[in-house]
């Protein structure tokens, strides 16, 4: 296997690497379009522009924005890629996938700061129904650390439950699920990447915690604090995006946001495998990376199940590999996917 990888790697290098030249044309693993870079950098940050331009020219960026603030001053404001400038520019908005986990964590931190949540408190303190099936001792911190034992569920989650009006049903679905470690590790907690489910659990913790403060609703209103069950997406819009003049949409986009949202182009599985073989041959990637990627082909593997934990049956994008570009999917409140305008 290693020898074969080395031979393929040498062949790839000789033909221009896995992203370029003949290999690209034969395999269709990238689109070779005219690169463009726009924007500006302050004096002293020219090297940053040089690195950004090199990535674009090498075909590593179809569309990218890069903004840096240093001591409160914007010193880098760049955009570019191999998409045409009328397709992607400094005002474009796109899916940023798991970067939203940082925003979800920020919202939880804000709730802790307000005194509504505690990291070491049990989730069931705020969301009593969550305690079902041995989940009573799972803490907020466990969820944040990917140690809740729920990287995926016994059944796939119906996609309609991610619509903002159906989040109560989603909460019931999660509460009635059993943690994975009971089936695989006994009662011992294990860290397993909660790629998609972490956001759903945190969302309900944030929504549920207000129920414990019903006696203080009047006080909360007087203090200007929303006592109702706002979701993470609603809090992000009201308390992070709008006050800072940013476009961050997590569920419920408005028409303006829809008009500047750009579809993503994702490389196929064959591109991923070829790139990793090339990486192994050149020493840039460990061999383990290749075998981990192959696990995606096993429907019973953990990585396959957490990546495919959504049930999209009945949706027009059910069999579409680029379902994340569909308007309905983009309007769901999935806290592992968000849209961000440059400047964040």
C-alpha atoms as a PDB file:
ATOM      1  CA  UNK A   1       0.000   0.000   0.000  1.00  0.00           C
ATOM      2  CA  UNK A   2       2.743   2.464   0.956  1.00  0.00           C
ATOM      3  CA  UNK A   3       4.746   1.590  -2.195  1.00  0.00           C
ATOM      4  CA  UNK A   4       1.649   2.071  -4.364  1.00  0.00           C
ATOM      5  CA  UNK A   5       0.987   5.390  -2.669  1.00  0.00           C
ATOM      6  CA  UNK A   6       4.564   6.474  -3.310  1.00  0.00           C
ATOM      7  CA  UNK A   7       4.354   5.541  -7.007  1.00  0.00           C
ATOM      8  CA  UNK A   8       1.068   7.373  -7.426  1.00  0.00           C
ATOM      9  CA  UNK A   9       2.527  10.324  -5.533  1.00  0.00           C
ATOM     10  CA  UNK A  10       5.563  10.484  -7.826  1.00  0.00           C
ATOM     11  CA  UNK A  11       3.272  10.285 -10.852  1.00  0.00           C
ATOM     12  CA  UNK A  12       1.144  13.084  -9.419  1.00  0.00           C
ATOM     13  CA  UNK A  13       4.199  15.273  -8.826  1.00  0.00           C
ATOM     14  CA  UNK A  14       5.435  14.644 -12.338  1.00  0.00           C
ATOM     15  CA  UNK A  15       2.111  15.726 -13.800  1.00  0.00           C
ATOM     16  CA  UNK A  16       1.892  18.863 -11.723  1.00  0.00           C
ATOM     17  CA  UNK A  17       0.496  17.700  -8.368  1.00  0.00           C
ATOM     18  CA  UNK A  18      -3.022  16.512  -7.464  1.00  0.00           C
ATOM     19  CA  UNK A  19      -4.633  19.934  -7.935  1.00  0.00           C
ATOM     20  CA  UNK A  20      -3.063  20.993 -11.205  1.00  0.00           C
ATOM     21  CA  UNK A  21      -2.250  20.286 -14.821  1.00  0.00           C
ATOM     22  CA  UNK A  22      -3.032  16.928 -16.431  1.00  0.00           C
ATOM     23  CA  UNK A  23      -4.115  15.177 -13.235  1.00  0.00           C
ATOM     24  CA  UNK A  24      -6.684  17.905 -12.617  1.00  0.00           C
ATOM     25  CA  UNK A  25      -8.071  17.648 -16.123  1.00  0.00           C
ATOM     26  CA  UNK A  26      -8.244  13.850 -16.156  1.00  0.00           C
ATOM     27  CA  UNK A  27      -9.790  13.468 -12.687  1.00  0.00           C
ATOM     28  CA  UNK A  28     -11.821  16.663 -12.647  1.00  0.00           C
ATOM     29  CA  UNK A  29     -10.678  17.381  -9.112  1.00  0.00           C
ATOM     30  CA  UNK A  30     -10.501  21.144  -9.479  1.00  0.00           C
ATOM     31  CA  UNK A  31     -11.658  23.974 -11.663  1.00  0.00           C
ATOM     32  CA  UNK A  32      -8.836  25.940 -13.248  1.00  0.00           C
ATOM     33  CA  UNK A  33     -10.286  29.409 -13.610  1.00  0.00           C
ATOM     34  CA  UNK A  34      -8.683  32.842 -13.723  1.00  0.00           C
ATOM     35  CA  UNK A  35      -7.641  33.858 -10.237  1.00  0.00           C
ATOM     36  CA  UNK A  36      -8.360  37.282  -8.805  1.00  0.00           C
ATOM     37  CA  UNK A  37      -7.503  39.018  -5.536  1.00  0.00           C
ATOM     38  CA  UNK A  38      -8.994  42.281  -4.291  1.00  0.00           C
ATOM     39  CA  UNK A  39      -8.904  44.343  -1.149  1.00  0.00           C
ATOM     40  CA  UNK A  40      -6.089  46.027   0.743  1.00  0.00           C
ATOM     41  CA  UNK A  41      -3.522  45.621   3.504  1.00  0.00           C
ATOM     42  CA  UNK A  42      -1.860  48.210   5.697  1.00  0.00           C
ATOM     43  CA  UNK A  43       1.868  48.861   5.578  1.00  0.00           C
ATOM     44  CA  UNK A  44       3.775  46.054   7.252  1.00  0.00           C
ATOM     45  CA  UNK A  45       1.220  43.384   6.314  1.00  0.00           C
ATOM     46  CA  UNK A  46       2.186  42.950   2.661  1.00  0.00           C
ATOM     47  CA  UNK A  47       3.458  39.438   3.392  1.00  0.00           C
ATOM     48  CA  UNK A  48      -0.079  38.405   4.374  1.00  0.00           C
ATOM     49  CA  UNK A  49      -1.341  39.516   0.975  1.00  0.00           C
ATOM     50  CA  UNK A  50       1.462  37.561  -0.690  1.00  0.00           C
ATOM     51  CA  UNK A  51       0.469  34.331   1.076  1.00  0.00           C
ATOM     52  CA  UNK A  52      -3.212  34.907   0.266  1.00  0.00           C
ATOM     53  CA  UNK A  53      -2.421  35.530  -3.411  1.00  0.00           C
ATOM     54  CA  UNK A  54      -0.243  32.407  -3.566  1.00  0.00           C
ATOM     55  CA  UNK A  55      -3.077  30.242  -2.213  1.00  0.00           C
ATOM     56  CA  UNK A  56      -5.462  31.675  -4.788  1.00  0.00           C
ATOM     57  CA  UNK A  57      -3.051  31.218  -7.698  1.00  0.00           C
ATOM     58  CA  UNK A  58      -2.410  27.604  -6.666  1.00  0.00           C
ATOM     59  CA  UNK A  59      -6.138  26.908  -6.854  1.00  0.00           C
ATOM     60  CA  UNK A  60      -6.484  26.384  -3.101  1.00  0.00           C
ATOM     61  CA  UNK A  61      -9.242  28.988  -2.797  1.00  0.00           C
ATOM     62  CA  UNK A  62     -12.353  29.042  -4.966  1.00  0.00           C
ATOM     63  CA  UNK A  63     -13.654  31.988  -2.978  1.00  0.00           C
ATOM     64  CA  UNK A  64     -12.197  33.356   0.235  1.00  0.00           C
ATOM     65  CA  UNK A  65     -12.275  36.421   2.461  1.00  0.00           C
ATOM     66  CA  UNK A  66      -9.596  37.229   5.021  1.00  0.00           C
ATOM     67  CA  UNK A  67      -9.874  40.147   7.442  1.00  0.00           C
ATOM     68  CA  UNK A  68      -7.559  40.918  10.356  1.00  0.00           C
ATOM     69  CA  UNK A  69      -7.922  43.498  13.087  1.00  0.00           C
ATOM     70  CA  UNK A  70      -4.787  44.417  15.033  1.00  0.00           C
ATOM     71  CA  UNK A  71      -5.190  46.479  18.208  1.00  0.00           C
ATOM     72  CA  UNK A  72      -8.659  47.474  17.094  1.00  0.00           C
ATOM     73  CA  UNK A  73      -7.578  48.586  13.609  1.00  0.00           C
ATOM     74  CA  UNK A  74      -8.399  46.705  10.397  1.00  0.00           C
ATOM     75  CA  UNK A  75      -5.027  45.940   8.819  1.00  0.00           C
ATOM     76  CA  UNK A  76      -5.981  43.206   6.328  1.00  0.00           C
ATOM     77  CA  UNK A  77      -9.102  43.169   4.162  1.00  0.00           C
ATOM     78  CA  UNK A  78      -8.739  40.696   1.287  1.00  0.00           C
ATOM     79  CA  UNK A  79     -11.021  38.657  -0.936  1.00  0.00           C
ATOM     80  CA  UNK A  80     -10.482  36.544  -4.001  1.00  0.00           C
ATOM     81  CA  UNK A  81     -10.426  33.103  -5.532  1.00  0.00           C
ATOM     82  CA  UNK A  82     -10.820  31.269  -8.792  1.00  0.00           C
ATOM     83  CA  UNK A  83     -14.491  32.156  -9.095  1.00  0.00           C
ATOM     84  CA  UNK A  84     -15.288  35.228 -11.187  1.00  0.00           C
ATOM     85  CA  UNK A  85     -15.483  38.465  -9.236  1.00  0.00           C
ATOM     86  CA  UNK A  86     -19.175  38.801 -10.090  1.00  0.00           C
ATOM     87  CA  UNK A  87     -19.682  35.339  -8.517  1.00  0.00           C
ATOM     88  CA  UNK A  88     -17.676  35.968  -5.349  1.00  0.00           C
ATOM     89  CA  UNK A  89     -16.499  39.257  -3.842  1.00  0.00           C
ATOM     90  CA  UNK A  90     -16.097  41.104  -0.535  1.00  0.00           C
ATOM     91  CA  UNK A  91     -19.866  41.119   0.094  1.00  0.00           C
ATOM     92  CA  UNK A  92     -20.460  37.421  -0.509  1.00  0.00           C
ATOM     93  CA  UNK A  93     -21.823  35.188   2.243  1.00  0.00           C
ATOM     94  CA  UNK A  94     -21.157  31.455   2.492  1.00  0.00           C
ATOM     95  CA  UNK A  95     -21.580  28.387   4.666  1.00  0.00           C
ATOM     96  CA  UNK A  96     -18.751  28.050   7.157  1.00  0.00           C
ATOM     97  CA  UNK A  97     -19.771  24.679   8.642  1.00  0.00           C
ATOM     98  CA  UNK A  98     -18.136  23.822  11.974  1.00  0.00           C
ATOM     99  CA  UNK A  99     -16.844  27.344  12.578  1.00  0.00           C
ATOM    100  CA  UNK A 100     -20.299  27.886  14.064  1.00  0.00           C
ATOM    101  CA  UNK A 101     -19.267  25.720  17.006  1.00  0.00           C
ATOM    102  CA  UNK A 102     -17.193  28.678  18.189  1.00  0.00           C
ATOM    103  CA  UNK A 103     -20.228  30.957  17.995  1.00  0.00           C
ATOM    104  CA  UNK A 104     -22.373  28.442  19.870  1.00  0.00           C
ATOM    105  CA  UNK A 105     -19.706  28.288  22.583  1.00  0.00           C
ATOM    106  CA  UNK A 106     -19.682  32.098  22.743  1.00  0.00           C
ATOM    107  CA  UNK A 107     -23.447  32.152  23.272  1.00  0.00           C
ATOM    108  CA  UNK A 108     -23.116  29.605  26.086  1.00  0.00           C
ATOM    109  CA  UNK A 109     -20.352  31.744  27.623  1.00  0.00           C
ATOM    110  CA  UNK A 110     -22.633  34.791  27.431  1.00  0.00           C
ATOM    111  CA  UNK A 111     -25.375  32.860  29.244  1.00  0.00           C
ATOM    112  CA  UNK A 112     -22.864  31.779  31.912  1.00  0.00           C
ATOM    113  CA  UNK A 113     -21.809  35.404  32.302  1.00  0.00           C
ATOM    114  CA  UNK A 114     -25.449  36.412  32.824  1.00  0.00           C
ATOM    115  CA  UNK A 115     -25.803  33.747  35.513  1.00  0.00           C
ATOM    116  CA  UNK A 116     -28.281  31.625  33.547  1.00  0.00           C
ATOM    117  CA  UNK A 117     -25.937  28.644  33.047  1.00  0.00           C
ATOM    118  CA  UNK A 118     -23.006  26.962  34.781  1.00  0.00           C
ATOM    119  CA  UNK A 119     -20.493  24.827  32.931  1.00  0.00           C
ATOM    120  CA  UNK A 120     -20.314  22.127  35.628  1.00  0.00           C
ATOM    121  CA  UNK A 121     -24.078  21.921  36.105  1.00  0.00           C
ATOM    122  CA  UNK A 122     -26.007  18.947  34.756  1.00  0.00           C
ATOM    123  CA  UNK A 123     -27.844  19.493  31.497  1.00  0.00           C
ATOM    124  CA  UNK A 124     -30.951  18.008  33.140  1.00  0.00           C
ATOM    125  CA  UNK A 125     -30.984  20.901  35.633  1.00  0.00           C
ATOM    126  CA  UNK A 126     -31.975  23.193  32.786  1.00  0.00           C
ATOM    127  CA  UNK A 127     -33.638  20.582  30.592  1.00  0.00           C
ATOM    128  CA  UNK A 128     -35.176  17.901  32.893  1.00  0.00           C
ATOM    129  CA  UNK A 129     -36.334  15.604  30.079  1.00  0.00           C
ATOM    130  CA  UNK A 130     -32.713  15.182  28.963  1.00  0.00           C
ATOM    131  CA  UNK A 131     -32.044  12.910  31.963  1.00  0.00           C
ATOM    132  CA  UNK A 132     -33.752   9.944  30.236  1.00  0.00           C
ATOM    133  CA  UNK A 133     -31.767   6.768  29.464  1.00  0.00           C
ATOM    134  CA  UNK A 134     -28.852   7.439  31.819  1.00  0.00           C
ATOM    135  CA  UNK A 135     -28.069  10.980  30.638  1.00  0.00           C
ATOM    136  CA  UNK A 136     -28.790  12.577  34.018  1.00  0.00           C
ATOM    137  CA  UNK A 137     -25.143  13.173  34.942  1.00  0.00           C
ATOM    138  CA  UNK A 138     -24.030  14.738  31.648  1.00  0.00           C
ATOM    139  CA  UNK A 139     -22.931  18.330  32.252  1.00  0.00           C
ATOM    140  CA  UNK A 140     -22.905  21.396  30.025  1.00  0.00           C
ATOM    141  CA  UNK A 141     -19.115  21.093  29.935  1.00  0.00           C
ATOM    142  CA  UNK A 142     -19.405  17.476  28.749  1.00  0.00           C
ATOM    143  CA  UNK A 143     -21.439  18.648  25.757  1.00  0.00           C
ATOM    144  CA  UNK A 144     -18.959  21.425  24.955  1.00  0.00           C
ATOM    145  CA  UNK A 145     -16.074  18.914  25.137  1.00  0.00           C
ATOM    146  CA  UNK A 146     -17.831  16.385  22.865  1.00  0.00           C
ATOM    147  CA  UNK A 147     -18.211  13.984  25.793  1.00  0.00           C
ATOM    148  CA  UNK A 148     -22.001  13.712  25.949  1.00  0.00           C
ATOM    149  CA  UNK A 149     -22.018  10.280  24.262  1.00  0.00           C
ATOM    150  CA  UNK A 150     -24.340  11.501  21.514  1.00  0.00           C
ATOM    151  CA  UNK A 151     -22.250  11.927  18.346  1.00  0.00           C
ATOM    152  CA  UNK A 152     -25.230  10.422  16.518  1.00  0.00           C
ATOM    153  CA  UNK A 153     -28.507   8.791  17.507  1.00  0.00           C
ATOM    154  CA  UNK A 154     -30.029   5.339  17.077  1.00  0.00           C
ATOM    155  CA  UNK A 155     -32.314   6.828  14.435  1.00  0.00           C
ATOM    156  CA  UNK A 156     -31.477   9.574  11.959  1.00  0.00           C
ATOM    157  CA  UNK A 157     -32.904  12.988  12.841  1.00  0.00           C
ATOM    158  CA  UNK A 158     -35.822  14.011  10.580  1.00  0.00           C
ATOM    159  CA  UNK A 159     -34.691  17.138   8.763  1.00  0.00           C
ATOM    160  CA  UNK A 160     -37.973  18.950   9.411  1.00  0.00           C
ATOM    161  CA  UNK A 161     -37.162  19.046  13.137  1.00  0.00           C
ATOM    162  CA  UNK A 162     -34.457  21.597  12.347  1.00  0.00           C
ATOM    163  CA  UNK A 163     -37.027  24.141  11.229  1.00  0.00           C
ATOM    164  CA  UNK A 164     -37.252  26.825  13.904  1.00  0.00           C
ATOM    165  CA  UNK A 165     -40.935  26.124  14.519  1.00  0.00           C
ATOM    166  CA  UNK A 166     -40.208  22.449  15.274  1.00  0.00           C
ATOM    167  CA  UNK A 167     -37.360  22.789  17.780  1.00  0.00           C
ATOM    168  CA  UNK A 168     -39.552  21.527  20.655  1.00  0.00           C
ATOM    169  CA  UNK A 169     -40.009  18.255  18.732  1.00  0.00           C
ATOM    170  CA  UNK A 170     -36.254  18.100  18.154  1.00  0.00           C
ATOM    171  CA  UNK A 171     -35.725  18.505  21.900  1.00  0.00           C
ATOM    172  CA  UNK A 172     -38.040  15.542  22.590  1.00  0.00           C
ATOM    173  CA  UNK A 173     -36.189  13.459  19.992  1.00  0.00           C
ATOM    174  CA  UNK A 174     -32.807  14.152  21.640  1.00  0.00           C
ATOM    175  CA  UNK A 175     -34.111  13.685  25.175  1.00  0.00           C
ATOM    176  CA  UNK A 176     -35.436  10.238  24.248  1.00  0.00           C
ATOM    177  CA  UNK A 177     -32.099   9.107  22.779  1.00  0.00           C
ATOM    178  CA  UNK A 178     -29.589   6.839  24.505  1.00  0.00           C
ATOM    179  CA  UNK A 179     -25.924   7.807  24.856  1.00  0.00           C
ATOM    180  CA  UNK A 180     -23.575   5.844  22.632  1.00  0.00           C
ATOM    181  CA  UNK A 181     -21.129   4.932  25.379  1.00  0.00           C
ATOM    182  CA  UNK A 182     -23.745   2.612  26.959  1.00  0.00           C
ATOM    183  CA  UNK A 183     -23.589   0.453  23.835  1.00  0.00           C
ATOM    184  CA  UNK A 184     -19.848   0.680  23.210  1.00  0.00           C
ATOM    185  CA  UNK A 185     -17.963   1.529  26.398  1.00  0.00           C
ATOM    186  CA  UNK A 186     -20.219   0.609  29.323  1.00  0.00           C
ATOM    187  CA  UNK A 187     -20.732   3.703  31.479  1.00  0.00           C
ATOM    188  CA  UNK A 188     -17.318   5.248  30.855  1.00  0.00           C
ATOM    189  CA  UNK A 189     -17.397   8.651  29.182  1.00  0.00           C
ATOM    190  CA  UNK A 190     -15.442   8.879  25.958  1.00  0.00           C
ATOM    191  CA  UNK A 191     -14.679  11.864  23.781  1.00  0.00           C
ATOM    192  CA  UNK A 192     -16.293  11.373  20.364  1.00  0.00           C
ATOM    193  CA  UNK A 193     -16.672  14.168  17.865  1.00  0.00           C
ATOM    194  CA  UNK A 194     -20.245  15.501  17.991  1.00  0.00           C
ATOM    195  CA  UNK A 195     -19.945  16.964  14.513  1.00  0.00           C
ATOM    196  CA  UNK A 196     -23.605  17.916  14.088  1.00  0.00           C
ATOM    197  CA  UNK A 197     -25.410  16.894  17.286  1.00  0.00           C
ATOM    198  CA  UNK A 198     -23.428  19.133  19.656  1.00  0.00           C
ATOM    199  CA  UNK A 199     -25.170  22.215  18.291  1.00  0.00           C
ATOM    200  CA  UNK A 200     -28.642  20.716  18.675  1.00  0.00           C
ATOM    201  CA  UNK A 201     -27.994  19.831  22.328  1.00  0.00           C
ATOM    202  CA  UNK A 202     -26.493  23.235  23.175  1.00  0.00           C
ATOM    203  CA  UNK A 203     -29.375  24.953  21.410  1.00  0.00           C
ATOM    204  CA  UNK A 204     -31.912  23.265  23.639  1.00  0.00           C
ATOM    205  CA  UNK A 205     -29.884  23.947  26.792  1.00  0.00           C
ATOM    206  CA  UNK A 206     -29.891  27.648  25.891  1.00  0.00           C
ATOM    207  CA  UNK A 207     -33.605  27.599  25.022  1.00  0.00           C
ATOM    208  CA  UNK A 208     -34.649  25.636  28.140  1.00  0.00           C
ATOM    209  CA  UNK A 209     -32.779  27.520  30.818  1.00  0.00           C
ATOM    210  CA  UNK A 210     -35.303  30.367  30.885  1.00  0.00           C
ATOM    211  CA  UNK A 211     -37.991  28.016  32.183  1.00  0.00           C
ATOM    212  CA  UNK A 212     -36.201  27.908  35.556  1.00  0.00           C
ATOM    213  CA  UNK A 213     -36.503  31.662  35.990  1.00  0.00           C
ATOM    214  CA  UNK A 214     -40.241  32.087  35.512  1.00  0.00           C
ATOM    215  CA  UNK A 215     -40.571  33.706  38.925  1.00  0.00           C
ATOM    216  CA  UNK A 216     -38.149  36.397  37.790  1.00  0.00           C
ATOM    217  CA  UNK A 217     -39.693  37.138  34.400  1.00  0.00           C
ATOM    218  CA  UNK A 218     -40.813  40.635  35.368  1.00  0.00           C
ATOM    219  CA  UNK A 219     -37.374  41.429  36.773  1.00  0.00           C
ATOM    220  CA  UNK A 220     -35.698  40.087  33.644  1.00  0.00           C
ATOM    221  CA  UNK A 221     -37.900  42.203  31.413  1.00  0.00           C
ATOM    222  CA  UNK A 222     -37.120  45.288  33.480  1.00  0.00           C
ATOM    223  CA  UNK A 223     -33.425  44.490  33.149  1.00  0.00           C
ATOM    224  CA  UNK A 224     -33.779  44.170  29.381  1.00  0.00           C
ATOM    225  CA  UNK A 225     -33.140  40.416  29.331  1.00  0.00           C
ATOM    226  CA  UNK A 226     -35.287  38.236  27.089  1.00  0.00           C
ATOM    227  CA  UNK A 227     -37.082  35.722  29.362  1.00  0.00           C
ATOM    228  CA  UNK A 228     -38.438  33.653  26.490  1.00  0.00           C
ATOM    229  CA  UNK A 229     -36.999  30.628  24.701  1.00  0.00           C
ATOM    230  CA  UNK A 230     -34.720  32.236  22.142  1.00  0.00           C
ATOM    231  CA  UNK A 231     -32.569  29.859  20.135  1.00  0.00           C
ATOM    232  CA  UNK A 232     -28.836  30.244  19.609  1.00  0.00           C
ATOM    233  CA  UNK A 233     -29.512  31.547  16.098  1.00  0.00           C
ATOM    234  CA  UNK A 234     -31.855  34.233  17.412  1.00  0.00           C
ATOM    235  CA  UNK A 235     -29.400  35.273  20.120  1.00  0.00           C
ATOM    236  CA  UNK A 236     -26.520  35.447  17.617  1.00  0.00           C
ATOM    237  CA  UNK A 237     -28.533  37.742  15.352  1.00  0.00           C
ATOM    238  CA  UNK A 238     -29.790  40.017  18.144  1.00  0.00           C
ATOM    239  CA  UNK A 239     -26.705  40.215  20.361  1.00  0.00           C
ATOM    240  CA  UNK A 240     -23.707  39.567  18.092  1.00  0.00           C
ATOM    241  CA  UNK A 241     -24.565  40.259  14.450  1.00  0.00           C
ATOM    242  CA  UNK A 242     -26.841  43.288  14.383  1.00  0.00           C
ATOM    243  CA  UNK A 243     -25.038  45.353  17.071  1.00  0.00           C
ATOM    244  CA  UNK A 244     -21.740  44.836  15.197  1.00  0.00           C
ATOM    245  CA  UNK A 245     -23.187  45.337  11.692  1.00  0.00           C
ATOM    246  CA  UNK A 246     -22.314  41.771  10.653  1.00  0.00           C
ATOM    247  CA  UNK A 247     -24.204  39.279   8.551  1.00  0.00           C
ATOM    248  CA  UNK A 248     -24.404  36.083  10.580  1.00  0.00           C
ATOM    249  CA  UNK A 249     -27.415  33.952   9.829  1.00  0.00           C
ATOM    250  CA  UNK A 250     -28.181  30.705  11.610  1.00  0.00           C
ATOM    251  CA  UNK A 251     -31.696  29.818  10.524  1.00  0.00           C
ATOM    252  CA  UNK A 252     -34.317  32.212   9.210  1.00  0.00           C
ATOM    253  CA  UNK A 253     -32.365  34.222   6.614  1.00  0.00           C
ATOM    254  CA  UNK A 254     -33.915  37.420   5.309  1.00  0.00           C
ATOM    255  CA  UNK A 255     -34.170  38.221   1.597  1.00  0.00           C
ATOM    256  CA  UNK A 256     -31.057  40.416   1.637  1.00  0.00           C
ATOM    257  CA  UNK A 257     -28.992  37.575   3.112  1.00  0.00           C
ATOM    258  CA  UNK A 258     -30.347  35.106   0.576  1.00  0.00           C
ATOM    259  CA  UNK A 259     -29.360  37.380  -2.315  1.00  0.00           C
ATOM    260  CA  UNK A 260     -25.667  37.430  -1.331  1.00  0.00           C
ATOM    261  CA  UNK A 261     -25.337  33.772  -0.312  1.00  0.00           C
ATOM    262  CA  UNK A 262     -22.996  31.903  -2.636  1.00  0.00           C
ATOM    263  CA  UNK A 263     -23.172  28.179  -3.345  1.00  0.00           C
ATOM    264  CA  UNK A 264     -20.245  26.043  -2.279  1.00  0.00           C
ATOM    265  CA  UNK A 265     -18.301  23.820  -4.648  1.00  0.00           C
ATOM    266  CA  UNK A 266     -17.062  20.757  -2.827  1.00  0.00           C
ATOM    267  CA  UNK A 267     -14.371  18.393  -4.081  1.00  0.00           C
ATOM    268  CA  UNK A 268     -15.510  14.825  -4.643  1.00  0.00           C
ATOM    269  CA  UNK A 269     -14.418  11.774  -2.699  1.00  0.00           C
ATOM    270  CA  UNK A 270     -11.944  10.802  -5.427  1.00  0.00           C
ATOM    271  CA  UNK A 271     -10.225  14.176  -5.055  1.00  0.00           C
ATOM    272  CA  UNK A 272      -9.912  13.676  -1.300  1.00  0.00           C
ATOM    273  CA  UNK A 273      -8.400  10.222  -1.680  1.00  0.00           C
ATOM    274  CA  UNK A 274      -5.950  11.317  -4.398  1.00  0.00           C
ATOM    275  CA  UNK A 275      -4.904  14.349  -2.362  1.00  0.00           C
ATOM    276  CA  UNK A 276      -4.251  12.210   0.711  1.00  0.00           C
ATOM    277  CA  UNK A 277      -2.309   9.613  -1.281  1.00  0.00           C
ATOM    278  CA  UNK A 278      -0.242  12.461  -2.682  1.00  0.00           C
ATOM    279  CA  UNK A 279       0.202  13.841   0.836  1.00  0.00           C
ATOM    280  CA  UNK A 280       1.397  10.488   2.149  1.00  0.00           C
ATOM    281  CA  UNK A 281       3.827  10.073  -0.739  1.00  0.00           C
ATOM    282  CA  UNK A 282       5.344  13.499  -0.116  1.00  0.00           C
ATOM    283  CA  UNK A 283       5.368  13.120   3.665  1.00  0.00           C
ATOM    284  CA  UNK A 284       2.860  15.925   4.201  1.00  0.00           C
ATOM    285  CA  UNK A 285       0.197  13.660   5.726  1.00  0.00           C
ATOM    286  CA  UNK A 286       0.388  10.596   7.997  1.00  0.00           C
ATOM    287  CA  UNK A 287      -0.791   7.245   6.647  1.00  0.00           C
ATOM    288  CA  UNK A 288      -3.547   7.239   9.289  1.00  0.00           C
ATOM    289  CA  UNK A 289      -5.290  10.062   7.428  1.00  0.00           C
ATOM    290  CA  UNK A 290      -5.845   7.823   4.415  1.00  0.00           C
ATOM    291  CA  UNK A 291      -7.317   4.967   6.443  1.00  0.00           C
ATOM    292  CA  UNK A 292      -9.541   7.390   8.353  1.00  0.00           C
ATOM    293  CA  UNK A 293     -10.922   8.703   5.059  1.00  0.00           C
ATOM    294  CA  UNK A 294     -11.699   5.155   3.951  1.00  0.00           C
ATOM    295  CA  UNK A 295     -13.944   4.797   7.016  1.00  0.00           C
ATOM    296  CA  UNK A 296     -16.418   7.086   5.259  1.00  0.00           C
ATOM    297  CA  UNK A 297     -17.161   4.110   2.991  1.00  0.00           C
ATOM    298  CA  UNK A 298     -18.246   1.934   5.937  1.00  0.00           C
ATOM    299  CA  UNK A 299     -21.880   2.770   6.835  1.00  0.00           C
ATOM    300  CA  UNK A 300     -21.378   1.293  10.327  1.00  0.00           C
ATOM    301  CA  UNK A 301     -18.301   3.319  11.211  1.00  0.00           C
ATOM    302  CA  UNK A 302     -18.651   6.109  13.787  1.00  0.00           C
ATOM    303  CA  UNK A 303     -17.373   8.746  11.377  1.00  0.00           C
ATOM    304  CA  UNK A 304     -19.861   7.716   8.691  1.00  0.00           C
ATOM    305  CA  UNK A 305     -22.780   7.712  11.138  1.00  0.00           C
ATOM    306  CA  UNK A 306     -22.145  11.143  12.630  1.00  0.00           C
ATOM    307  CA  UNK A 307     -21.615  12.612   9.171  1.00  0.00           C
ATOM    308  CA  UNK A 308     -24.892  11.078   7.990  1.00  0.00           C
ATOM    309  CA  UNK A 309     -27.097  11.514  11.050  1.00  0.00           C
ATOM    310  CA  UNK A 310     -29.759  13.584   9.255  1.00  0.00           C
ATOM    311  CA  UNK A 311     -32.777  11.963   7.608  1.00  0.00           C
ATOM    312  CA  UNK A 312     -33.619  13.988   4.492  1.00  0.00           C
ATOM    313  CA  UNK A 313     -36.153  11.508   3.075  1.00  0.00           C
ATOM    314  CA  UNK A 314     -38.931  13.319   1.264  1.00  0.00           C
ATOM    315  CA  UNK A 315     -36.893  16.458   0.628  1.00  0.00           C
ATOM    316  CA  UNK A 316     -36.118  17.544  -2.962  1.00  0.00           C
ATOM    317  CA  UNK A 317     -32.402  17.384  -2.125  1.00  0.00           C
ATOM    318  CA  UNK A 318     -32.556  13.883  -0.601  1.00  0.00           C
ATOM    319  CA  UNK A 319     -30.064  12.376  -3.067  1.00  0.00           C
ATOM    320  CA  UNK A 320     -28.135  15.561  -3.823  1.00  0.00           C
ATOM    321  CA  UNK A 321     -24.476  15.541  -2.765  1.00  0.00           C
ATOM    322  CA  UNK A 322     -24.659  19.338  -2.555  1.00  0.00           C
ATOM    323  CA  UNK A 323     -27.798  19.486  -0.394  1.00  0.00           C
ATOM    324  CA  UNK A 324     -26.200  22.231   1.691  1.00  0.00           C
ATOM    325  CA  UNK A 325     -26.702  24.636  -1.226  1.00  0.00           C
ATOM    326  CA  UNK A 326     -30.480  24.140  -1.215  1.00  0.00           C
ATOM    327  CA  UNK A 327     -32.457  27.131   0.066  1.00  0.00           C
ATOM    328  CA  UNK A 328     -34.583  25.075   2.471  1.00  0.00           C
ATOM    329  CA  UNK A 329     -31.538  23.434   4.016  1.00  0.00           C
ATOM    330  CA  UNK A 330     -29.793  26.791   4.434  1.00  0.00           C
ATOM    331  CA  UNK A 331     -32.769  28.149   6.386  1.00  0.00           C
ATOM    332  CA  UNK A 332     -32.702  25.328   8.955  1.00  0.00           C
ATOM    333  CA  UNK A 333     -31.285  26.016  12.398  1.00  0.00           C
ATOM    334  CA  UNK A 334     -28.302  23.678  12.356  1.00  0.00           C
ATOM    335  CA  UNK A 335     -25.771  25.024  14.834  1.00  0.00           C
ATOM    336  CA  UNK A 336     -22.934  23.351  12.960  1.00  0.00           C
ATOM    337  CA  UNK A 337     -23.561  25.512   9.900  1.00  0.00           C
ATOM    338  CA  UNK A 338     -23.782  29.282   9.675  1.00  0.00           C
ATOM    339  CA  UNK A 339     -23.321  32.097   7.187  1.00  0.00           C
ATOM    340  CA  UNK A 340     -20.908  34.916   7.809  1.00  0.00           C
ATOM    341  CA  UNK A 341     -20.107  38.126   6.035  1.00  0.00           C
ATOM    342  CA  UNK A 342     -16.497  39.309   6.018  1.00  0.00           C
ATOM    343  CA  UNK A 343     -15.389  41.224   9.072  1.00  0.00           C
ATOM    344  CA  UNK A 344     -16.152  38.551  11.672  1.00  0.00           C
END
